[in-house]
Amino acid sequence: MFQQKMKESIERKLIIEDLKKETVGIFLEYLYTGEVSGGVENLPELIYSADKYHIAELLELCYNKIPEDDEKIVDILLVANRHNFEELSKIVMQRFVTSNLPEVDVKILDILLIAEEHKLEEFKKVVLQKIMMKKAMFMKNEEFMSKLKESPSVLIEFFKL
């Protein structure tokens, strides 16, 4: 980009609109030092940037930072599915299976829909089991119930529990 006669090389400016300032800072730190010194606030976005700019080592570092027991697992799995990161999806699904669901999170329905869409029956069972453990809390959550009604097949599965 900067070695060709492109807008960025002529203006000597690169505008990155799809990443937050903090993520760009961490990304640049990695490019200059080969390390990420502090914590990563938005791991899904850093994974996206590492993939977008083909920085395999940063992507691997991000994979190693995927939490074992954290609500961010759901966000990371959604990013992995959105961007077709198959390897990341496998890693995160394995971590999700062993994690605890820390709170009632409407995004778990998105995970259930992904499992259904990709016909991942075993993973779907795990997600349903996690919902079952807190079924009463989920049923009291208006946002969850509203979203559940938008997906008839998932609604049926939910009430089978």
Protein backbone atom coordinates (compact mmCIF):
# COMPACT_ATOMS: atom_id res chain seq x y z
CA MET A 1 0.00 0.00 0.00
CA PHE A 2 2.76 2.44 0.91
CA GLN A 3 5.14 1.09 -1.74
CA GLN A 4 2.72 1.64 -4.60
CA LYS A 5 1.36 4.92 -5.90
CA MET A 6 -1.79 4.63 -3.89
CA LYS A 7 -3.67 7.33 -2.03
CA GLU A 8 -2.12 6.26 1.30
CA SER A 9 1.46 6.53 0.01
CA ILE A 10 0.85 9.86 -1.69
CA GLU A 11 -0.88 11.43 1.32
CA ARG A 12 1.32 9.48 3.78
CA LYS A 13 -1.80 8.81 5.80
CA LEU A 14 -3.80 5.67 6.51
CA ILE A 15 -7.33 5.93 7.83
CA ILE A 16 -8.63 2.84 9.59
CA GLU A 17 -12.35 3.22 10.13
CA ASP A 18 -13.31 -0.27 11.23
CA LEU A 19 -11.17 -0.47 14.38
CA LYS A 20 -11.25 1.40 17.65
CA LYS A 21 -8.36 3.67 18.59
CA GLU A 22 -7.28 1.36 21.44
CA THR A 23 -7.15 -1.66 19.14
CA VAL A 24 -5.08 0.22 16.57
CA GLY A 25 -2.69 1.20 19.38
CA ILE A 26 -2.24 -2.43 20.45
CA PHE A 27 -1.91 -3.50 16.81
CA LEU A 28 0.83 -0.91 16.18
CA GLU A 29 2.59 -1.85 19.42
CA TYR A 30 2.72 -5.44 18.19
CA LEU A 31 4.01 -4.41 14.76
CA TYR A 32 6.83 -2.38 16.30
CA THR A 33 7.78 -4.60 19.25
CA GLY A 34 6.45 -8.06 18.50
CA GLU A 35 4.67 -8.01 21.86
CA VAL A 36 1.47 -6.88 23.50
CA SER A 37 2.53 -5.46 26.85
CA GLY A 38 -0.81 -4.79 28.55
CA GLY A 39 -4.19 -6.38 28.62
CA VAL A 40 -6.36 -6.54 25.54
CA GLU A 41 -9.71 -4.87 26.14
CA ASN A 42 -11.29 -5.90 22.83
CA LEU A 43 -9.80 -9.27 21.87
CA PRO A 44 -12.40 -9.98 19.14
CA GLU A 45 -11.46 -6.75 17.36
CA LEU A 46 -7.72 -7.46 17.68
CA ILE A 47 -8.31 -10.92 16.18
CA TYR A 48 -10.19 -9.27 13.32
CA SER A 49 -7.33 -6.80 12.70
CA ALA A 50 -4.67 -9.52 12.80
CA ASP A 51 -6.62 -11.48 10.20
CA LYS A 52 -7.43 -8.45 8.06
CA TYR A 53 -3.78 -7.42 7.80
CA HIS A 54 -2.47 -11.02 7.64
CA ILE A 55 -0.35 -10.89 10.80
CA ALA A 56 -0.26 -14.61 11.60
CA GLU A 57 1.91 -14.26 14.71
CA LEU A 58 -0.48 -11.73 16.25
CA LEU A 59 -3.41 -13.98 15.41
CA GLU A 60 -1.69 -16.85 17.22
CA LEU A 61 -0.96 -14.60 20.20
CA CYS A 62 -4.65 -13.65 20.28
CA TYR A 63 -5.68 -17.30 20.18
CA ASN A 64 -3.49 -17.92 23.22
CA LYS A 65 -5.17 -15.02 25.05
CA ILE A 66 -8.69 -16.42 24.60
CA PRO A 67 -10.07 -16.63 28.13
CA GLU A 68 -10.91 -19.96 29.68
CA ASP A 69 -13.89 -18.77 31.68
CA ASP A 70 -15.21 -15.41 30.55
CA GLU A 71 -18.22 -13.83 28.90
CA LYS A 72 -15.91 -12.63 26.10
CA ILE A 73 -15.91 -16.19 24.77
CA VAL A 74 -19.38 -15.56 23.33
CA ASP A 75 -18.21 -12.34 21.62
CA ILE A 76 -15.14 -14.05 20.19
CA LEU A 77 -17.22 -16.91 18.83
CA LEU A 78 -19.58 -14.44 17.16
CA VAL A 79 -16.61 -12.65 15.53
CA ALA A 80 -15.16 -15.98 14.42
CA ASN A 81 -18.44 -16.92 12.79
CA ARG A 82 -18.98 -13.49 11.19
CA HIS A 83 -15.55 -13.57 9.55
CA ASN A 84 -15.49 -17.32 8.81
CA PHE A 85 -12.49 -17.99 11.07
CA GLU A 86 -12.92 -21.76 11.19
CA GLU A 87 -9.83 -22.51 13.28
CA LEU A 88 -10.74 -19.84 15.81
CA SER A 89 -14.30 -21.15 15.94
CA LYS A 90 -13.02 -24.61 16.85
CA ILE A 91 -10.75 -23.26 19.58
CA VAL A 92 -13.43 -21.04 21.08
CA MET A 93 -16.10 -23.76 20.94
CA GLN A 94 -13.77 -26.05 22.90
CA ARG A 95 -13.26 -23.33 25.52
CA PHE A 96 -16.99 -22.53 25.57
CA VAL A 97 -17.83 -26.16 26.32
CA THR A 98 -15.73 -26.05 29.51
CA SER A 99 -16.58 -22.50 30.57
CA ASN A 100 -19.20 -21.29 32.98
CA LEU A 101 -21.80 -18.89 31.68
CA PRO A 102 -21.26 -15.95 34.03
CA GLU A 103 -24.59 -14.19 33.48
CA VAL A 104 -27.73 -14.25 31.41
CA ASP A 105 -26.53 -13.07 28.03
CA VAL A 106 -28.83 -12.66 25.04
CA LYS A 107 -25.87 -13.35 22.73
CA ILE A 108 -26.01 -17.01 23.71
CA LEU A 109 -28.99 -17.27 21.37
CA ASP A 110 -26.72 -16.15 18.53
CA ILE A 111 -24.35 -18.97 19.49
CA LEU A 112 -27.25 -21.40 19.44
CA LEU A 113 -28.29 -20.17 15.98
CA ILE A 114 -24.71 -20.58 14.71
CA ALA A 115 -24.66 -24.15 16.03
CA GLU A 116 -27.97 -24.84 14.33
CA GLU A 117 -26.96 -23.18 11.06
CA HIS A 118 -23.74 -25.21 10.84
CA LYS A 119 -25.45 -28.38 12.05
CA LEU A 120 -23.15 -28.70 15.06
CA GLU A 121 -25.48 -30.92 17.06
CA GLU A 122 -23.07 -31.78 19.90
CA PHE A 123 -22.14 -28.13 20.38
CA LYS A 124 -25.81 -27.17 20.23
CA LYS A 125 -26.51 -29.61 23.07
CA VAL A 126 -23.80 -27.99 25.19
CA VAL A 127 -25.22 -24.51 24.57
CA LEU A 128 -28.71 -25.72 25.47
CA GLN A 129 -27.37 -27.33 28.65
CA LYS A 130 -25.76 -24.02 29.66
CA ILE A 131 -29.06 -22.25 29.08
CA MET A 132 -30.88 -24.97 31.04
CA MET A 133 -28.70 -24.35 34.10
CA LYS A 134 -30.07 -20.81 34.27
CA LYS A 135 -33.40 -21.32 32.50
CA ALA A 136 -35.44 -19.43 35.11
CA MET A 137 -33.15 -16.40 34.83
CA PHE A 138 -33.28 -16.51 31.03
CA MET A 139 -37.08 -16.70 31.07
CA LYS A 140 -37.24 -13.51 33.18
CA ASN A 141 -35.04 -11.61 30.72
CA GLU A 142 -37.35 -9.71 28.34
CA GLU A 143 -34.65 -9.13 25.71
CA PHE A 144 -33.79 -12.83 25.67
CA MET A 145 -37.44 -13.92 25.39
CA SER A 146 -38.13 -11.37 22.63
CA LYS A 147 -35.15 -12.58 20.62
CA LEU A 148 -36.07 -16.20 21.28
CA LYS A 149 -39.50 -15.63 19.70
CA GLU A 150 -37.80 -14.55 16.46
CA SER A 151 -36.31 -18.04 16.04
CA PRO A 152 -39.08 -20.66 16.07
CA SER A 153 -36.79 -23.69 15.88
CA VAL A 154 -34.71 -22.46 18.81
CA LEU A 155 -37.87 -21.56 20.70
CA ILE A 156 -39.05 -25.16 20.39
CA GLU A 157 -35.65 -26.46 21.59
CA PHE A 158 -35.73 -24.06 24.53
CA PHE A 159 -39.11 -25.21 25.76
CA LYS A 160 -38.11 -28.87 25.40
CA LEU A 161 -35.58 -28.26 28.19
